[in-house]
Amino acid sequence: MKIVLAYSGGLDTTVAISWLKETFKADVITVTVDVGQPDDFKRIEERAYQAGSWKHFTIDAKEEFANNYVKYAILLNALYEGVYPLATALARPLIAEKVVNIAKKEGAEGVAHGSTSKGNDQIRFDLSVKALYPESKLIAPARIWNMTRDDEIKYAKERGIPIKTESSKYSIDENLWGRSIEGDVISDSMTQVPEDAFEWTKKTKTDSSTIKIGFDKGVPVSVDDEKLNLLKLIQILNSIVGSHGFGRVDHIENRVVGFKSREVYEAPAALTLTLSHQDLEKTVMTPHELRFKRYMDSIWSDLVYQGLWYEPLREEIQHMAEEMNRWVTGEVLVKLEGAGAIVVGRSSQFSPYSEKVASYNKGWYPSDEMARGFIEIWGMHSLLAHKTRFG
């Protein structure tokens, strides 16, 4: 039997190599997918072979992640429950797809991942594999083996399995779009997260600065007039914005699996681009378009967070978002000051905004007769209802 394992290089998936071999008498093929995490992929490959991997694949999917996944998160202002930019959730379907591709190529009967029974990732992996390779045997060792972290370490030592030596009191998941932080005191919802938990948003710049972000049909294409592909643009913004200390999220999140959890994230580029894109949409869209679009944004974010990447509505919403962003072209000025970011300017050739119409000092003014007539008709439904109910 062959089993393909989504391999991160951490404790769970490293122990899983040996456990799968022992439990299923299988050849284990490991797959590591690069979605922008700052890992030593050569070292991960070495660790996989030392732990008993029969064959290992490292797949560079950063460009694909940026252009086919993050792009739509930007177009749809994807913030789960209004704050979380879906970094981990977005990457899981892509990782699962790459793992399944290898499984099919290698003729593997099983597909495995390292998710536990308590997290959302098990849903994202399981449903993606079921959609792409339904005939495979899906295995989640951490849901089966009933081992604590200490048990896993003991298991690894007993078998001479090399585990990641760099110890951290936090559990970290990183990719191009964000960094999630769990563990240690973070589960106490009233304890302030220690500074040593953060890496992307350590404040090294104290002076304020303003950056200009250019958009073409809703997609960011430049920073301070320098044209960049989406991958590079995100990497640059993570560095620039993070150095000002902006990009932290700390909130109580409603997990799919039935309970609330305290979640902490760093996402400087994601939050800055979402803030900017939302502002430019509001500058360009009619009130009706904008309100409908915000509803679409919320539904899409929920579907992705909940692991429903293969729900047809998710892709249908994306098509609609591209259509609605046809006119979202322009520039947004963002001021970075303190540990905050605020939009201080925006322009678009497709914006209906007119200083001549909006200004109180010059230009168009409705007459008293026009204003009275508009208000009378506008309020008629409400006033008539009020009168019939309260006299």
Protein backbone atom coordinates (compact mmCIF):
# COMPACT_ATOMS: atom_id res chain seq x y z
CA MET A 1 0.00 0.00 0.00
CA LYS A 2 1.13 3.55 -0.75
CA ILE A 3 0.03 6.53 1.32
CA VAL A 4 0.76 10.15 0.39
CA LEU A 5 1.13 12.42 3.41
CA ALA A 6 0.81 16.23 3.43
CA TYR A 7 4.07 16.90 5.26
CA SER A 8 4.86 20.16 7.07
CA GLY A 9 8.03 18.96 8.78
CA GLY A 10 6.61 19.49 12.27
CA LEU A 11 6.22 16.97 15.09
CA ASP A 12 2.78 15.60 14.12
CA THR A 13 3.52 14.86 10.49
CA THR A 14 7.05 13.58 11.22
CA VAL A 15 5.72 11.07 13.73
CA ALA A 16 2.93 10.26 11.27
CA ILE A 17 5.44 8.88 8.74
CA SER A 18 6.52 6.09 11.09
CA TRP A 19 3.01 5.57 12.47
CA LEU A 20 1.53 5.12 8.98
CA LYS A 21 4.28 2.66 8.05
CA GLU A 22 3.71 0.60 11.19
CA THR A 23 -0.08 0.75 11.19
CA PHE A 24 -0.75 0.15 7.50
CA LYS A 25 2.51 -1.57 6.44
CA ALA A 26 2.65 1.14 3.80
CA ASP A 27 5.20 3.01 1.75
CA VAL A 28 4.79 6.65 2.77
CA ILE A 29 5.31 9.40 0.22
CA THR A 30 5.63 12.89 1.69
CA VAL A 31 4.63 16.13 -0.02
CA THR A 32 5.56 19.62 1.19
CA VAL A 33 3.88 22.55 -0.53
CA ASP A 34 5.54 25.96 -0.47
CA VAL A 35 2.82 28.61 -0.14
CA GLY A 36 5.16 31.29 1.14
CA GLN A 37 6.15 29.95 4.56
CA PRO A 38 9.78 30.79 5.50
CA ASP A 39 10.90 27.19 5.94
CA ASP A 40 14.13 25.39 5.10
CA PHE A 41 12.65 23.02 2.54
CA LYS A 42 15.89 21.11 2.08
CA ARG A 43 16.00 20.39 5.81
CA ILE A 44 12.34 19.34 5.74
CA GLU A 45 13.09 16.88 2.94
CA GLU A 46 16.03 15.45 4.89
CA ARG A 47 13.88 15.05 7.99
CA ALA A 48 11.20 13.26 5.97
CA TYR A 49 13.68 10.70 4.64
CA GLN A 50 15.25 10.24 8.08
CA ALA A 51 11.79 9.58 9.52
CA GLY A 52 11.15 6.87 6.91
CA SER A 53 9.65 8.55 3.87
CA TRP A 54 9.89 6.35 0.77
CA LYS A 55 9.78 9.33 -1.59
CA HIS A 56 9.51 13.08 -1.03
CA PHE A 57 8.21 15.96 -3.16
CA THR A 58 8.59 19.69 -2.56
CA ILE A 59 6.23 21.80 -4.66
CA ASP A 60 6.61 25.54 -5.14
CA ALA A 61 3.04 26.86 -5.30
CA LYS A 62 3.59 30.47 -4.21
CA GLU A 63 2.62 32.03 -7.54
CA GLU A 64 -0.41 29.80 -7.87
CA PHE A 65 -1.45 30.60 -4.32
CA ALA A 66 -1.19 34.33 -4.99
CA ASN A 67 -2.90 34.35 -8.39
CA ASN A 68 -5.63 31.71 -7.94
CA TYR A 69 -6.47 32.01 -4.26
CA VAL A 70 -5.27 35.25 -2.65
CA LYS A 71 -6.43 37.24 -5.67
CA TYR A 72 -10.03 36.29 -4.93
CA ALA A 73 -9.61 37.00 -1.24
CA ILE A 74 -8.71 40.56 -2.27
CA LEU A 75 -11.55 40.89 -4.80
CA LEU A 76 -13.97 39.67 -2.12
CA ASN A 77 -12.52 41.58 0.85
CA ALA A 78 -12.28 38.25 2.63
CA LEU A 79 -12.36 38.75 6.38
CA TYR A 80 -14.02 35.96 8.34
CA GLU A 81 -16.24 37.51 11.02
CA GLY A 82 -14.96 40.88 9.88
CA VAL A 83 -11.33 40.43 10.96
CA TYR A 84 -9.54 37.21 9.91
CA PRO A 85 -8.06 37.30 6.36
CA LEU A 86 -8.39 33.52 5.90
CA ALA A 87 -4.66 32.88 5.40
CA THR A 88 -4.59 29.27 6.64
CA ALA A 89 -8.05 28.48 5.31
CA LEU A 90 -7.14 29.67 1.81
CA ALA A 91 -4.02 27.54 1.56
CA ARG A 92 -5.52 24.20 2.60
CA PRO A 93 -7.45 23.41 -0.61
CA LEU A 94 -4.35 24.17 -2.68
CA ILE A 95 -2.13 21.96 -0.50
CA ALA A 96 -4.73 19.18 -0.67
CA GLU A 97 -4.87 19.48 -4.47
CA LYS A 98 -1.09 19.13 -4.80
CA VAL A 99 -1.06 16.14 -2.46
CA VAL A 100 -3.85 14.45 -4.41
CA ASN A 101 -2.02 15.07 -7.69
CA ILE A 102 1.01 13.23 -6.34
CA ALA A 103 -1.19 10.44 -4.96
CA LYS A 104 -2.73 9.88 -8.38
CA LYS A 105 0.63 10.09 -10.12
CA GLU A 106 2.21 7.58 -7.73
CA GLY A 107 -0.79 5.26 -7.70
CA ALA A 108 -1.31 5.68 -3.97
CA GLU A 109 -4.39 4.21 -2.33
CA GLY A 110 -4.27 6.48 0.72
CA VAL A 111 -4.03 10.21 1.42
CA ALA A 112 -3.09 11.46 4.90
CA HIS A 113 -2.81 14.78 6.70
CA GLY A 114 -1.76 15.95 10.15
CA SER A 115 -4.91 17.73 11.30
CA THR A 116 -6.48 16.96 14.67
CA SER A 117 -10.13 16.32 15.46
CA LYS A 118 -10.42 19.68 17.21
CA GLY A 119 -9.49 22.03 14.38
CA ASN A 120 -11.00 23.43 11.21
CA ASP A 121 -8.20 22.17 8.98
CA GLN A 122 -9.44 18.57 9.12
CA ILE A 123 -12.62 19.73 7.38
CA ARG A 124 -10.72 21.65 4.71
CA PHE A 125 -8.41 18.73 3.95
CA ASP A 126 -11.03 16.00 4.15
CA LEU A 127 -13.56 17.73 1.88
CA SER A 128 -10.92 18.70 -0.67
CA VAL A 129 -9.62 15.13 -0.88
CA LYS A 130 -13.15 13.75 -1.10
CA ALA A 131 -13.86 16.12 -3.99
CA LEU A 132 -10.67 15.35 -5.91
CA TYR A 133 -9.92 11.71 -5.08
CA PRO A 134 -13.05 10.13 -3.58
CA GLU A 135 -11.84 6.56 -4.13
CA SER A 136 -8.78 7.06 -1.89
CA LYS A 137 -8.56 6.02 1.75
CA LEU A 138 -8.43 9.20 3.81
CA ILE A 139 -6.34 8.99 6.99
CA ALA A 140 -5.79 11.55 9.76
CA PRO A 141 -3.33 9.92 12.19
CA ALA A 142 -3.71 12.60 14.87
CA ARG A 143 -7.44 11.79 15.05
CA ILE A 144 -6.66 8.13 15.63
CA TRP A 145 -3.50 7.56 17.63
CA ASN A 146 -4.64 9.20 20.90
CA MET A 147 -1.21 10.62 21.75
CA THR A 148 -0.44 13.86 23.55
CA ARG A 149 2.45 16.04 22.42
CA ASP A 150 4.64 14.45 25.11
CA ASP A 151 3.57 11.00 23.92
CA GLU A 152 4.55 11.91 20.37
CA ILE A 153 7.98 13.10 21.48
CA LYS A 154 8.49 9.86 23.42
CA TYR A 155 7.31 7.82 20.41
CA ALA A 156 9.79 9.64 18.18
CA LYS A 157 12.71 9.20 20.58
CA GLU A 158 12.02 5.49 21.01
CA ARG A 159 12.22 4.99 17.25
CA GLY A 160 15.08 7.38 16.61
CA ILE A 161 12.85 9.68 14.56
CA PRO A 162 14.40 13.13 14.08
CA ILE A 163 11.98 15.81 15.16
CA LYS A 164 12.22 19.54 14.68
CA THR A 165 14.82 20.71 17.16
CA GLU A 166 13.83 24.37 17.09
CA SER A 167 11.48 24.56 20.03
CA SER A 168 8.78 27.18 20.41
CA LYS A 169 6.11 27.62 23.03
CA TYR A 170 3.78 28.72 20.23
CA SER A 171 2.18 26.72 17.44
CA ILE A 172 2.71 28.66 14.22
CA ASP A 173 1.24 28.33 10.76
CA GLU A 174 2.57 30.69 8.09
CA ASN A 175 2.07 31.38 4.43
CA LEU A 176 2.27 34.33 2.07
CA TRP A 177 -1.04 35.82 3.26
CA GLY A 178 -0.68 35.54 7.03
CA ARG A 179 0.76 34.03 10.18
CA SER A 180 -1.37 32.34 12.84
CA ILE A 181 -0.20 32.00 16.44
CA GLU A 182 -1.55 29.54 19.01
CA GLY A 183 -0.40 27.98 22.27
CA ASP A 184 1.13 29.00 25.59
CA VAL A 185 -0.92 31.77 27.32
CA ILE A 186 -2.90 32.67 24.21
CA SER A 187 -5.80 30.37 25.10
CA ASP A 188 -6.55 32.65 28.09
CA SER A 189 -8.80 35.22 26.47
CA MET A 190 -7.90 37.92 29.03
CA THR A 191 -4.12 37.58 28.81
CA GLN A 192 -2.33 40.01 26.54
CA VAL A 193 -0.30 38.20 23.88
CA PRO A 194 3.43 38.56 24.68
CA GLU A 195 5.55 40.46 22.17
CA ASP A 196 7.76 37.42 21.60
CA ALA A 197 4.84 35.75 19.81
CA PHE A 198 5.02 38.23 16.94
CA GLU A 199 7.48 38.27 14.05
CA TRP A 200 5.89 40.07 11.10
CA THR A 201 4.64 43.11 13.02
CA LYS A 202 7.57 44.04 15.24
CA LYS A 203 7.64 47.81 15.11
CA THR A 204 10.99 49.03 13.81
CA LYS A 205 9.82 52.31 12.27
CA THR A 206 8.48 55.14 14.41
CA ASP A 207 8.00 57.78 11.73
CA SER A 208 4.76 57.94 9.76
CA SER A 209 4.76 57.24 6.03
CA THR A 210 2.28 57.08 3.19
CA ILE A 211 2.15 54.40 0.51
CA LYS A 212 0.23 54.45 -2.75
CA ILE A 213 -1.35 51.21 -3.94
CA GLY A 214 -2.52 50.89 -7.52
CA PHE A 215 -5.38 48.58 -8.54
CA ASP A 216 -6.45 47.28 -11.94
CA LYS A 217 -9.91 45.68 -12.05
CA GLY A 218 -9.74 45.12 -8.31
CA VAL A 219 -6.32 43.48 -8.29
CA PRO A 220 -3.37 45.34 -6.72
CA VAL A 221 -0.67 45.93 -9.33
CA SER A 222 1.69 48.56 -7.94
CA VAL A 223 3.18 50.10 -4.82
CA ASP A 224 4.33 53.73 -5.06
CA ASP A 225 4.04 53.53 -8.86
CA GLU A 226 6.30 50.48 -9.11
CA LYS A 227 4.58 47.74 -11.11
CA LEU A 228 4.76 44.37 -9.32
CA ASN A 229 3.30 40.91 -9.74
CA LEU A 230 0.90 39.96 -6.97
CA LEU A 231 3.33 37.64 -5.16
CA LYS A 232 6.09 40.25 -4.95
CA LEU A 233 3.64 43.02 -4.07
CA ILE A 234 2.33 41.06 -1.08
CA GLN A 235 5.85 40.22 0.11
CA ILE A 236 6.89 43.88 -0.09
CA LEU A 237 3.79 45.11 1.74
CA ASN A 238 4.25 42.52 4.49
CA SER A 239 7.69 44.00 5.10
CA ILE A 240 6.80 47.69 4.78
CA VAL A 241 3.54 47.64 6.72
CA GLY A 242 4.73 45.11 9.29
CA SER A 243 7.71 47.32 10.18
CA HIS A 244 5.19 49.96 11.32
CA GLY A 245 3.53 47.45 13.64
CA PHE A 246 0.27 47.22 11.72
CA GLY A 247 -1.38 43.91 10.86
CA ARG A 248 -2.31 42.18 14.11
CA VAL A 249 -5.62 40.42 14.75
CA ASP A 250 -6.68 39.20 18.20
CA HIS A 251 -10.25 37.96 18.48
CA ILE A 252 -12.63 35.26 19.69
CA GLU A 253 -13.44 33.15 16.62
CA ASN A 254 -16.38 30.85 15.99
CA ARG A 255 -14.87 27.62 14.73
CA VAL A 256 -16.75 25.25 12.47
CA VAL A 257 -16.26 22.41 14.94
CA GLY A 258 -18.64 23.88 17.49
CA PHE A 259 -16.73 26.06 19.93
CA LYS A 260 -15.17 29.48 20.24
CA SER A 261 -11.40 29.91 20.30
CA ARG A 262 -9.07 32.81 20.81
CA GLU A 263 -7.13 33.36 17.57
CA VAL A 264 -4.15 35.61 16.98
CA TYR A 265 -2.85 36.48 13.51
CA GLU A 266 -0.34 38.68 11.74
CA ALA A 267 -1.37 39.81 8.26
CA PRO A 268 0.06 43.23 7.37
CA ALA A 269 -0.33 43.00 3.59
CA ALA A 270 -3.69 41.24 3.77
CA LEU A 271 -5.28 43.82 6.07
CA THR A 272 -3.78 46.77 4.17
CA LEU A 273 -4.90 45.51 0.76
CA THR A 274 -8.37 44.64 2.03
CA LEU A 275 -8.74 48.08 3.62
CA SER A 276 -7.59 49.75 0.40
CA HIS A 277 -9.70 47.60 -1.91
CA GLN A 278 -12.83 48.12 0.16
CA ASP A 279 -12.32 51.87 -0.02
CA LEU A 280 -11.79 51.86 -3.78
CA GLU A 281 -14.90 49.72 -4.30
CA LYS A 282 -16.91 52.21 -2.26
CA THR A 283 -15.49 55.03 -4.37
CA VAL A 284 -16.54 53.38 -7.63
CA MET A 285 -19.68 51.31 -6.96
CA THR A 286 -23.25 52.50 -6.69
CA PRO A 287 -24.91 52.10 -3.27
CA HIS A 288 -26.87 49.11 -4.56
CA GLU A 289 -23.79 47.42 -5.97
CA LEU A 290 -21.85 48.06 -2.79
CA ARG A 291 -24.44 46.61 -0.43
CA PHE A 292 -24.90 43.53 -2.59
CA LYS A 293 -21.14 43.12 -2.89
CA ARG A 294 -20.64 43.26 0.89
CA TYR A 295 -23.16 40.44 1.25
CA MET A 296 -21.25 38.41 -1.35
CA ASP A 297 -17.98 39.10 0.50
CA SER A 298 -19.40 37.71 3.73
CA ILE A 299 -20.83 34.57 2.12
CA TRP A 300 -17.59 33.79 0.26
CA SER A 301 -15.52 34.26 3.42
CA ASP A 302 -17.77 31.89 5.34
CA LEU A 303 -17.58 29.21 2.63
CA VAL A 304 -13.78 29.32 2.51
CA TYR A 305 -13.39 29.33 6.29
CA GLN A 306 -15.81 26.43 6.65
CA GLY A 307 -13.84 24.24 4.24
CA LEU A 308 -16.43 24.42 1.46
CA TRP A 309 -14.01 25.28 -1.35
CA TYR A 310 -15.80 22.85 -3.66
CA GLU A 311 -19.25 24.29 -2.96
CA PRO A 312 -20.38 25.56 -6.42
CA LEU A 313 -21.51 28.88 -4.96
CA ARG A 314 -17.91 29.73 -4.00
CA GLU A 315 -16.79 29.73 -7.64
CA GLU A 316 -19.97 31.43 -8.83
CA ILE A 317 -19.41 34.28 -6.39
CA GLN A 318 -15.86 34.64 -7.68
CA HIS A 319 -17.11 35.09 -11.24
CA MET A 320 -19.55 37.74 -10.04
CA ALA A 321 -16.79 39.48 -8.08
CA GLU A 322 -14.61 39.69 -11.19
CA GLU A 323 -17.50 41.20 -13.13
CA MET A 324 -18.24 43.74 -10.39
CA ASN A 325 -14.55 44.68 -10.15
CA ARG A 326 -14.29 45.54 -13.86
CA TRP A 327 -14.40 49.23 -12.91
CA VAL A 328 -12.41 49.06 -9.66
CA THR A 329 -9.28 50.60 -11.11
CA GLY A 330 -7.43 53.44 -9.44
CA GLU A 331 -5.10 54.38 -6.63
CA VAL A 332 -5.40 54.43 -2.85
CA LEU A 333 -3.19 56.34 -0.41
CA VAL A 334 -2.63 54.63 2.94
CA LYS A 335 -0.98 56.39 5.86
CA LEU A 336 0.99 54.24 8.28
CA GLU A 337 1.26 55.90 11.66
CA GLY A 338 1.74 54.49 15.12
CA ALA A 339 0.60 50.91 14.72
CA GLY A 340 -2.32 51.84 12.49
CA ALA A 341 -3.16 52.23 8.84
CA ILE A 342 -5.79 54.58 7.45
CA VAL A 343 -6.87 55.44 3.93
CA VAL A 344 -6.19 59.14 3.36
CA GLY A 345 -6.85 59.40 -0.37
CA ARG A 346 -8.31 57.58 -3.34
CA SER A 347 -8.96 58.21 -7.03
CA SER A 348 -10.48 56.34 -9.96
CA GLN A 349 -11.40 57.31 -13.49
CA PHE A 350 -14.60 55.32 -12.98
CA SER A 351 -15.71 56.99 -9.75
CA PRO A 352 -19.03 58.87 -9.87
CA TYR A 353 -17.66 61.18 -7.19
CA SER A 354 -17.76 64.83 -8.30
CA GLU A 355 -16.34 67.64 -6.22
CA LYS A 356 -18.60 70.01 -8.16
CA VAL A 357 -21.67 68.12 -6.97
CA ALA A 358 -20.46 67.28 -3.45
CA SER A 359 -18.90 70.62 -2.45
CA TYR A 360 -20.86 72.93 -0.11
CA ASN A 361 -18.94 75.93 -1.40
CA LYS A 362 -19.47 75.78 -5.14
CA GLY A 363 -21.26 74.01 -7.94
CA TRP A 364 -24.65 72.30 -7.99
CA TYR A 365 -27.26 72.92 -5.27
CA PRO A 366 -30.85 71.57 -5.30
CA SER A 367 -33.53 74.23 -4.90
CA ASP A 368 -35.75 74.40 -1.82
CA GLU A 369 -38.63 73.06 -3.94
CA MET A 370 -36.53 70.09 -5.14
CA ALA A 371 -35.38 69.30 -1.60
CA ARG A 372 -38.89 69.49 -0.14
CA GLY A 373 -40.33 67.27 -2.87
CA PHE A 374 -37.60 64.66 -2.50
CA ILE A 375 -37.97 64.49 1.29
CA GLU A 376 -41.77 64.25 1.05
CA ILE A 377 -41.68 61.30 -1.33
CA TRP A 378 -38.67 59.66 0.33
CA GLY A 379 -40.32 59.61 3.77
CA MET A 380 -43.89 58.83 2.67
CA HIS A 381 -43.80 55.08 3.45
CA SER A 382 -42.46 55.69 6.95
CA LEU A 383 -44.66 58.67 7.80
CA LEU A 384 -47.88 56.99 6.63
CA ALA A 385 -47.06 53.85 8.59
CA HIS A 386 -46.28 55.90 11.68
CA LYS A 387 -49.54 57.80 11.36
CA THR A 388 -51.72 54.70 10.96
CA ARG A 389 -50.11 53.02 13.97
CA PHE A 390 -49.69 55.87 16.42
CA GLY A 391 -52.08 58.56 15.14
